[in-house]
Amino acid sequence: MNKYLEQLVNLSKIDKEIDAFGPRVKEIESKLRAAVAKENDISKTILAYEEEVKDCKLKRSKNELHLAELSDKLTEISKKGAIVKTDKEIKALQLEEEISKEQCEFANEEIERLDSIIEAKDIDIEEKKEELAQIQKNTEEIRTSIESQMSEIEKERSTVYSSKEKLISEMSQKILTFYEKIRKWAGNTTVVPVKKQACYGCFMRINDKTYASVIAHDDIVTCPHCGRILYKELEEVEA
């Protein structure tokens, strides 16, 4: 294979390796993001439950205060009952007492209902806290694993970049500029193999003359349809 073509094929393979690091890093980081998101969701749920408990306790306090006021009122009604004389006054006090007792009953029922809610929410909060603790443990394990994986990727990346720098230092600037110009639009399909007499970049069939030039490996040949750099695998040529 032509020296310059071989360099271009190798550079293309190195660039593919470099570009593959991005998706690998994203995939690794996505696991941590998912774990943290789940952790945040549970934390928000716990806060929402705690707010509900806080609200219920506030309502309970208001009902207890109302009960105390009603108790004082019933005491006053009882005192008034001992001194009133007319039937009209007695009936008015009885009605007032009846309404106050109904309000007391309602307040007690409301307190009982709020206590049930508070108790249920406290259980939910404890369960969610246990779940959160487990997820936090898992998140920490994922974070440790990611740090290890990222360290390995950085080592690989360093090795690949070193290989690229070495290769570039040996290449003709003219050939390198030509490669980079195509790479701007072709990306990792800048240098592609020819299989079954077709460019594996645009998948169009190339003519016999171009195909013969590709097989000869004497020069850098581009696809007449898309402009990508073409090459033929050595083992296929030998076969």
C-alpha atoms as a PDB file:
ATOM      1  CA  MET A   1       0.000   0.000   0.000  1.00  0.00           C
ATOM      2  CA  ASN A   2       1.153   3.529  -0.832  1.00  0.00           C
ATOM      3  CA  LYS A   3       2.879   5.096   2.219  1.00  0.00           C
ATOM      4  CA  TYR A   4       0.643   8.158   2.265  1.00  0.00           C
ATOM      5  CA  LEU A   5      -2.504   6.101   1.826  1.00  0.00           C
ATOM      6  CA  GLU A   6      -1.452   3.793   4.641  1.00  0.00           C
ATOM      7  CA  GLN A   7      -0.920   6.834   6.864  1.00  0.00           C
ATOM      8  CA  LEU A   8      -4.383   8.154   5.990  1.00  0.00           C
ATOM      9  CA  VAL A   9      -6.013   4.786   6.734  1.00  0.00           C
ATOM     10  CA  ASN A  10      -4.246   4.626  10.103  1.00  0.00           C
ATOM     11  CA  LEU A  11      -5.117   8.250  10.913  1.00  0.00           C
ATOM     12  CA  SER A  12      -8.755   7.578  10.069  1.00  0.00           C
ATOM     13  CA  LYS A  13      -8.800   4.585  12.421  1.00  0.00           C
ATOM     14  CA  ILE A  14      -7.196   6.628  15.211  1.00  0.00           C
ATOM     15  CA  ASP A  15      -9.754   9.429  14.737  1.00  0.00           C
ATOM     16  CA  LYS A  16     -12.551   6.876  14.994  1.00  0.00           C
ATOM     17  CA  GLU A  17     -11.093   5.670  18.286  1.00  0.00           C
ATOM     18  CA  ILE A  18     -10.865   9.245  19.572  1.00  0.00           C
ATOM     19  CA  ASP A  19     -14.447  10.031  18.557  1.00  0.00           C
ATOM     20  CA  ALA A  20     -15.631   6.839  20.256  1.00  0.00           C
ATOM     21  CA  PHE A  21     -14.439   8.127  23.647  1.00  0.00           C
ATOM     22  CA  GLY A  22     -17.243  10.714  23.769  1.00  0.00           C
ATOM     23  CA  PRO A  23     -20.163   8.236  23.618  1.00  0.00           C
ATOM     24  CA  ARG A  24     -18.371   5.941  26.081  1.00  0.00           C
ATOM     25  CA  VAL A  25     -17.983   8.778  28.584  1.00  0.00           C
ATOM     26  CA  LYS A  26     -21.622   9.843  28.083  1.00  0.00           C
ATOM     27  CA  GLU A  27     -22.860   6.289  28.653  1.00  0.00           C
ATOM     28  CA  ILE A  28     -20.842   5.996  31.866  1.00  0.00           C
ATOM     29  CA  GLU A  29     -21.963   9.417  33.118  1.00  0.00           C
ATOM     30  CA  SER A  30     -25.613   8.683  32.238  1.00  0.00           C
ATOM     31  CA  LYS A  31     -25.656   5.888  34.835  1.00  0.00           C
ATOM     32  CA  LEU A  32     -24.593   8.330  37.532  1.00  0.00           C
ATOM     33  CA  ARG A  33     -27.066  10.963  36.335  1.00  0.00           C
ATOM     34  CA  ALA A  34     -29.890   8.408  36.467  1.00  0.00           C
ATOM     35  CA  ALA A  35     -28.942   7.379  40.017  1.00  0.00           C
ATOM     36  CA  VAL A  36     -28.670  11.011  41.177  1.00  0.00           C
ATOM     37  CA  ALA A  37     -32.008  11.854  39.518  1.00  0.00           C
ATOM     38  CA  LYS A  38     -33.679   8.978  41.357  1.00  0.00           C
ATOM     39  CA  GLU A  39     -32.051  10.150  44.591  1.00  0.00           C
ATOM     40  CA  ASN A  40     -33.374  13.683  44.005  1.00  0.00           C
ATOM     41  CA  ASP A  41     -36.887  12.407  43.226  1.00  0.00           C
ATOM     42  CA  ILE A  42     -37.061  10.502  46.509  1.00  0.00           C
ATOM     43  CA  SER A  43     -35.686  13.498  48.425  1.00  0.00           C
ATOM     44  CA  LYS A  44     -38.419  15.665  46.878  1.00  0.00           C
ATOM     45  CA  THR A  45     -41.050  13.084  47.845  1.00  0.00           C
ATOM     46  CA  ILE A  46     -39.778  13.065  51.448  1.00  0.00           C
ATOM     47  CA  LEU A  47     -39.935  16.878  51.551  1.00  0.00           C
ATOM     48  CA  ALA A  48     -43.484  16.798  50.157  1.00  0.00           C
ATOM     49  CA  TYR A  49     -44.542  14.255  52.826  1.00  0.00           C
ATOM     50  CA  GLU A  50     -42.894  16.348  55.548  1.00  0.00           C
ATOM     51  CA  GLU A  51     -44.760  19.431  54.319  1.00  0.00           C
ATOM     52  CA  GLU A  52     -48.033  17.481  54.478  1.00  0.00           C
ATOM     53  CA  VAL A  53     -47.244  16.417  58.057  1.00  0.00           C
ATOM     54  CA  LYS A  54     -46.356  20.002  58.958  1.00  0.00           C
ATOM     55  CA  ASP A  55     -49.650  21.230  57.455  1.00  0.00           C
ATOM     56  CA  CYS A  56     -51.638  18.540  59.293  1.00  0.00           C
ATOM     57  CA  LYS A  57     -49.973  19.419  62.605  1.00  0.00           C
ATOM     58  CA  LEU A  58     -50.795  23.094  62.074  1.00  0.00           C
ATOM     59  CA  LYS A  59     -54.448  22.226  61.395  1.00  0.00           C
ATOM     60  CA  ARG A  60     -54.465  19.959  64.450  1.00  0.00           C
ATOM     61  CA  SER A  61     -53.166  22.799  66.631  1.00  0.00           C
ATOM     62  CA  LYS A  62     -55.890  25.089  65.324  1.00  0.00           C
ATOM     63  CA  ASN A  63     -58.526  22.474  66.143  1.00  0.00           C
ATOM     64  CA  GLU A  64     -57.092  21.993  69.639  1.00  0.00           C
ATOM     65  CA  LEU A  65     -57.185  25.756  70.160  1.00  0.00           C
ATOM     66  CA  HIS A  66     -60.787  25.812  68.943  1.00  0.00           C
ATOM     67  CA  LEU A  67     -61.633  22.977  71.329  1.00  0.00           C
ATOM     68  CA  ALA A  68     -60.183  24.965  74.241  1.00  0.00           C
ATOM     69  CA  GLU A  69     -62.271  27.963  73.223  1.00  0.00           C
ATOM     70  CA  LEU A  70     -65.395  25.779  72.979  1.00  0.00           C
ATOM     71  CA  SER A  71     -64.665  24.281  76.385  1.00  0.00           C
ATOM     72  CA  ASP A  72     -64.478  27.773  77.888  1.00  0.00           C
ATOM     73  CA  LYS A  73     -67.690  28.673  76.099  1.00  0.00           C
ATOM     74  CA  LEU A  74     -69.499  25.607  77.481  1.00  0.00           C
ATOM     75  CA  THR A  75     -68.302  26.530  80.967  1.00  0.00           C
ATOM     76  CA  GLU A  76     -69.731  30.027  80.509  1.00  0.00           C
ATOM     77  CA  ILE A  77     -73.027  28.600  79.196  1.00  0.00           C
ATOM     78  CA  SER A  78     -73.221  26.352  82.254  1.00  0.00           C
ATOM     79  CA  LYS A  79     -72.710  29.340  84.541  1.00  0.00           C
ATOM     80  CA  LYS A  80     -75.332  31.359  82.692  1.00  0.00           C
ATOM     81  CA  GLY A  81     -77.769  28.443  82.941  1.00  0.00           C
ATOM     82  CA  ALA A  82     -77.765  28.790  86.699  1.00  0.00           C
ATOM     83  CA  ILE A  83     -78.912  32.413  86.629  1.00  0.00           C
ATOM     84  CA  VAL A  84     -81.268  32.691  83.611  1.00  0.00           C
ATOM     85  CA  LYS A  85     -84.963  32.734  84.425  1.00  0.00           C
ATOM     86  CA  THR A  86     -87.061  33.044  81.284  1.00  0.00           C
ATOM     87  CA  ASP A  87     -87.844  30.201  78.905  1.00  0.00           C
ATOM     88  CA  LYS A  88     -86.537  32.244  76.014  1.00  0.00           C
ATOM     89  CA  GLU A  89     -83.142  32.656  77.657  1.00  0.00           C
ATOM     90  CA  ILE A  90     -83.021  28.971  78.585  1.00  0.00           C
ATOM     91  CA  LYS A  91     -83.819  27.887  75.002  1.00  0.00           C
ATOM     92  CA  ALA A  92     -81.187  30.280  73.607  1.00  0.00           C
ATOM     93  CA  LEU A  93     -78.556  28.846  75.959  1.00  0.00           C
ATOM     94  CA  GLN A  94     -79.560  25.280  75.117  1.00  0.00           C
ATOM     95  CA  LEU A  95     -79.247  26.005  71.397  1.00  0.00           C
ATOM     96  CA  GLU A  96     -75.877  27.646  71.929  1.00  0.00           C
ATOM     97  CA  GLU A  97     -74.739  24.676  74.034  1.00  0.00           C
ATOM     98  CA  GLU A  98     -75.915  22.214  71.389  1.00  0.00           C
ATOM     99  CA  ILE A  99     -74.056  24.050  68.617  1.00  0.00           C
ATOM    100  CA  SER A 100     -70.895  24.229  70.754  1.00  0.00           C
ATOM    101  CA  LYS A 101     -71.051  20.481  71.498  1.00  0.00           C
ATOM    102  CA  GLU A 102     -71.490  19.711  67.781  1.00  0.00           C
ATOM    103  CA  GLN A 103     -68.466  21.872  67.037  1.00  0.00           C
ATOM    104  CA  CYS A 104     -66.514  20.030  69.731  1.00  0.00           C
ATOM    105  CA  GLU A 105     -67.472  16.705  68.179  1.00  0.00           C
ATOM    106  CA  PHE A 106     -66.442  17.889  64.727  1.00  0.00           C
ATOM    107  CA  ALA A 107     -63.122  19.251  66.058  1.00  0.00           C
ATOM    108  CA  ASN A 108     -62.371  15.934  67.814  1.00  0.00           C
ATOM    109  CA  GLU A 109     -63.192  13.984  64.637  1.00  0.00           C
ATOM    110  CA  GLU A 110     -60.957  16.322  62.624  1.00  0.00           C
ATOM    111  CA  ILE A 111     -58.094  15.858  65.112  1.00  0.00           C
ATOM    112  CA  GLU A 112     -58.530  12.086  64.876  1.00  0.00           C
ATOM    113  CA  ARG A 113     -58.494  12.271  61.057  1.00  0.00           C
ATOM    114  CA  LEU A 114     -55.373  14.462  61.058  1.00  0.00           C
ATOM    115  CA  ASP A 115     -53.631  12.102  63.507  1.00  0.00           C
ATOM    116  CA  SER A 116     -54.310   9.195  61.128  1.00  0.00           C
ATOM    117  CA  ILE A 117     -52.826  11.161  58.213  1.00  0.00           C
ATOM    118  CA  ILE A 118     -49.780  12.175  60.265  1.00  0.00           C
ATOM    119  CA  GLU A 119     -49.201   8.578  61.372  1.00  0.00           C
ATOM    120  CA  ALA A 120     -49.497   7.258  57.791  1.00  0.00           C
ATOM    121  CA  LYS A 121     -47.197   9.955  56.415  1.00  0.00           C
ATOM    122  CA  ASP A 122     -44.610   9.323  59.142  1.00  0.00           C
ATOM    123  CA  ILE A 123     -44.520   5.672  58.047  1.00  0.00           C
ATOM    124  CA  ASP A 124     -44.179   6.745  54.400  1.00  0.00           C
ATOM    125  CA  ILE A 125     -41.344   9.109  55.329  1.00  0.00           C
ATOM    126  CA  GLU A 126     -39.434   6.374  57.151  1.00  0.00           C
ATOM    127  CA  GLU A 127     -39.855   3.992  54.215  1.00  0.00           C
ATOM    128  CA  LYS A 128     -38.677   6.639  51.765  1.00  0.00           C
ATOM    129  CA  LYS A 129     -35.695   7.479  53.963  1.00  0.00           C
ATOM    130  CA  GLU A 130     -34.677   3.805  53.985  1.00  0.00           C
ATOM    131  CA  GLU A 131     -35.073   3.701  50.206  1.00  0.00           C
ATOM    132  CA  LEU A 132     -33.041   6.906  49.884  1.00  0.00           C
ATOM    133  CA  ALA A 133     -30.252   5.496  52.054  1.00  0.00           C
ATOM    134  CA  GLN A 134     -30.032   2.414  49.809  1.00  0.00           C
ATOM    135  CA  ILE A 135     -30.014   4.512  46.644  1.00  0.00           C
ATOM    136  CA  GLN A 136     -27.340   6.818  48.078  1.00  0.00           C
ATOM    137  CA  LYS A 137     -25.250   3.732  48.782  1.00  0.00           C
ATOM    138  CA  ASN A 138     -25.779   2.533  45.193  1.00  0.00           C
ATOM    139  CA  THR A 139     -24.960   6.006  43.857  1.00  0.00           C
ATOM    140  CA  GLU A 140     -21.694   6.027  45.775  1.00  0.00           C
ATOM    141  CA  GLU A 141     -20.815   2.588  44.375  1.00  0.00           C
ATOM    142  CA  ILE A 142     -21.615   3.831  40.848  1.00  0.00           C
ATOM    143  CA  ARG A 143     -19.512   6.956  41.438  1.00  0.00           C
ATOM    144  CA  THR A 144     -16.545   4.841  42.571  1.00  0.00           C
ATOM    145  CA  SER A 145     -16.959   2.544  39.558  1.00  0.00           C
ATOM    146  CA  ILE A 146     -17.176   5.533  37.220  1.00  0.00           C
ATOM    147  CA  GLU A 147     -13.998   7.055  38.613  1.00  0.00           C
ATOM    148  CA  SER A 148     -12.215   3.781  37.892  1.00  0.00           C
ATOM    149  CA  GLN A 149     -13.657   3.537  34.359  1.00  0.00           C
ATOM    150  CA  MET A 150     -12.890   7.176  33.607  1.00  0.00           C
ATOM    151  CA  SER A 151      -9.315   6.641  34.752  1.00  0.00           C
ATOM    152  CA  GLU A 152      -8.969   3.750  32.301  1.00  0.00           C
ATOM    153  CA  ILE A 153     -10.508   5.811  29.498  1.00  0.00           C
ATOM    154  CA  GLU A 154      -8.092   8.652  30.177  1.00  0.00           C
ATOM    155  CA  LYS A 155      -5.178   6.213  29.926  1.00  0.00           C
ATOM    156  CA  GLU A 156      -6.519   4.870  26.630  1.00  0.00           C
ATOM    157  CA  ARG A 157      -7.189   8.391  25.365  1.00  0.00           C
ATOM    158  CA  SER A 158      -3.651   9.471  26.241  1.00  0.00           C
ATOM    159  CA  THR A 159      -2.203   6.484  24.368  1.00  0.00           C
ATOM    160  CA  VAL A 160      -4.363   7.114  21.299  1.00  0.00           C
ATOM    161  CA  TYR A 161      -3.568  10.834  21.233  1.00  0.00           C
ATOM    162  CA  SER A 162       0.143  10.032  21.487  1.00  0.00           C
ATOM    163  CA  SER A 163      -0.194   7.669  18.521  1.00  0.00           C
ATOM    164  CA  LYS A 164      -1.996  10.371  16.534  1.00  0.00           C
ATOM    165  CA  GLU A 165       0.616  13.014  17.339  1.00  0.00           C
ATOM    166  CA  LYS A 166       3.412  10.649  16.295  1.00  0.00           C
ATOM    167  CA  LEU A 167       1.627   9.760  13.061  1.00  0.00           C
ATOM    168  CA  ILE A 168       0.861  13.395  12.216  1.00  0.00           C
ATOM    169  CA  SER A 169       4.481  14.376  12.791  1.00  0.00           C
ATOM    170  CA  GLU A 170       5.485  11.851  10.113  1.00  0.00           C
ATOM    171  CA  MET A 171       2.836  12.899   7.576  1.00  0.00           C
ATOM    172  CA  SER A 172       3.056  15.392   4.737  1.00  0.00           C
ATOM    173  CA  GLN A 173       1.290  18.643   5.636  1.00  0.00           C
ATOM    174  CA  LYS A 174      -0.310  18.688   2.190  1.00  0.00           C
ATOM    175  CA  ILE A 175      -1.781  15.194   2.647  1.00  0.00           C
ATOM    176  CA  LEU A 176      -2.927  16.055   6.177  1.00  0.00           C
ATOM    177  CA  THR A 177      -4.672  19.253   4.977  1.00  0.00           C
ATOM    178  CA  PHE A 178      -6.378  17.235   2.223  1.00  0.00           C
ATOM    179  CA  TYR A 179      -7.607  14.705   4.824  1.00  0.00           C
ATOM    180  CA  GLU A 180      -8.863  17.373   7.244  1.00  0.00           C
ATOM    181  CA  LYS A 181     -10.740  19.140   4.451  1.00  0.00           C
ATOM    182  CA  ILE A 182     -12.725  15.982   3.675  1.00  0.00           C
ATOM    183  CA  ARG A 183     -13.132  15.114   7.354  1.00  0.00           C
ATOM    184  CA  LYS A 184     -14.968  18.411   7.980  1.00  0.00           C
ATOM    185  CA  TRP A 185     -18.021  17.046   6.172  1.00  0.00           C
ATOM    186  CA  ALA A 186     -17.383  13.269   6.086  1.00  0.00           C
ATOM    187  CA  GLY A 187     -16.396  12.806   9.751  1.00  0.00           C
ATOM    188  CA  ASN A 188     -15.355   9.243  10.497  1.00  0.00           C
ATOM    189  CA  THR A 189     -16.129   8.173   6.930  1.00  0.00           C
ATOM    190  CA  THR A 190     -13.303  10.258   5.427  1.00  0.00           C
ATOM    191  CA  VAL A 191     -11.329   7.137   4.514  1.00  0.00           C
ATOM    192  CA  VAL A 192     -13.492   4.168   3.547  1.00  0.00           C
ATOM    193  CA  PRO A 193     -12.900   0.706   2.095  1.00  0.00           C
ATOM    194  CA  VAL A 194     -14.096  -0.447  -1.299  1.00  0.00           C
ATOM    195  CA  LYS A 195     -16.128  -3.664  -1.202  1.00  0.00           C
ATOM    196  CA  LYS A 196     -17.820  -5.360  -4.136  1.00  0.00           C
ATOM    197  CA  GLN A 197     -16.523  -2.451  -6.254  1.00  0.00           C
ATOM    198  CA  ALA A 198     -18.580   0.040  -4.212  1.00  0.00           C
ATOM    199  CA  CYS A 199     -17.524   2.979  -2.041  1.00  0.00           C
ATOM    200  CA  TYR A 200     -18.481   2.190   1.543  1.00  0.00           C
ATOM    201  CA  GLY A 201     -19.053   5.877   2.226  1.00  0.00           C
ATOM    202  CA  CYS A 202     -21.797   6.632  -0.304  1.00  0.00           C
ATOM    203  CA  PHE A 203     -22.363   2.965  -1.349  1.00  0.00           C
ATOM    204  CA  MET A 204     -22.206   3.892  -5.016  1.00  0.00           C
ATOM    205  CA  ARG A 205     -20.507   1.579  -7.516  1.00  0.00           C
ATOM    206  CA  ILE A 206     -17.214   2.924  -8.858  1.00  0.00           C
ATOM    207  CA  ASN A 207     -16.030   2.441 -12.451  1.00  0.00           C
ATOM    208  CA  ASP A 208     -13.438  -0.137 -13.449  1.00  0.00           C
ATOM    209  CA  LYS A 209     -10.659   2.425 -13.957  1.00  0.00           C
ATOM    210  CA  THR A 210     -11.082   3.909 -10.470  1.00  0.00           C
ATOM    211  CA  TYR A 211     -11.400   0.444  -8.991  1.00  0.00           C
ATOM    212  CA  ALA A 212      -8.155  -0.651 -10.648  1.00  0.00           C
ATOM    213  CA  SER A 213      -6.390   2.403  -9.197  1.00  0.00           C
ATOM    214  CA  VAL A 214      -7.706   1.566  -5.731  1.00  0.00           C
ATOM    215  CA  ILE A 215      -6.482  -2.028  -5.983  1.00  0.00           C
ATOM    216  CA  ALA A 216      -3.062  -0.873  -7.225  1.00  0.00           C
ATOM    217  CA  HIS A 217      -2.535   1.136  -4.021  1.00  0.00           C
ATOM    218  CA  ASP A 218      -0.069   3.354  -5.938  1.00  0.00           C
ATOM    219  CA  ASP A 219      -1.809   6.648  -5.275  1.00  0.00           C
ATOM    220  CA  ILE A 220      -4.486   8.296  -3.177  1.00  0.00           C
ATOM    221  CA  VAL A 221      -7.812   7.741  -4.944  1.00  0.00           C
ATOM    222  CA  THR A 222     -11.063   9.466  -4.102  1.00  0.00           C
ATOM    223  CA  CYS A 223     -14.599   8.329  -4.831  1.00  0.00           C
ATOM    224  CA  PRO A 224     -15.863   9.972  -8.052  1.00  0.00           C
ATOM    225  CA  HIS A 225     -19.334  10.245  -6.480  1.00  0.00           C
ATOM    226  CA  CYS A 226     -18.743  11.562  -2.943  1.00  0.00           C
ATOM    227  CA  GLY A 227     -15.044  12.513  -2.787  1.00  0.00           C
ATOM    228  CA  ARG A 228     -14.084  10.232   0.110  1.00  0.00           C
ATOM    229  CA  ILE A 229     -10.632   8.629   0.149  1.00  0.00           C
ATOM    230  CA  LEU A 230     -10.794   4.996  -0.970  1.00  0.00           C
ATOM    231  CA  TYR A 231      -8.673   1.980  -0.126  1.00  0.00           C
ATOM    232  CA  LYS A 232      -8.840  -1.794  -0.494  1.00  0.00           C
ATOM    233  CA  GLU A 233      -8.093  -4.124   2.385  1.00  0.00           C
ATOM    234  CA  LEU A 234      -4.771  -5.864   1.677  1.00  0.00           C
ATOM    235  CA  GLU A 235      -6.113  -9.320   2.424  1.00  0.00           C
ATOM    236  CA  GLU A 236      -8.897  -8.800  -0.117  1.00  0.00           C
ATOM    237  CA  VAL A 237      -6.416  -7.677  -2.773  1.00  0.00           C
ATOM    238  CA  GLU A 238      -4.222 -10.714  -2.098  1.00  0.00           C
ATOM    239  CA  ALA A 239      -7.255 -12.983  -2.300  1.00  0.00           C
END
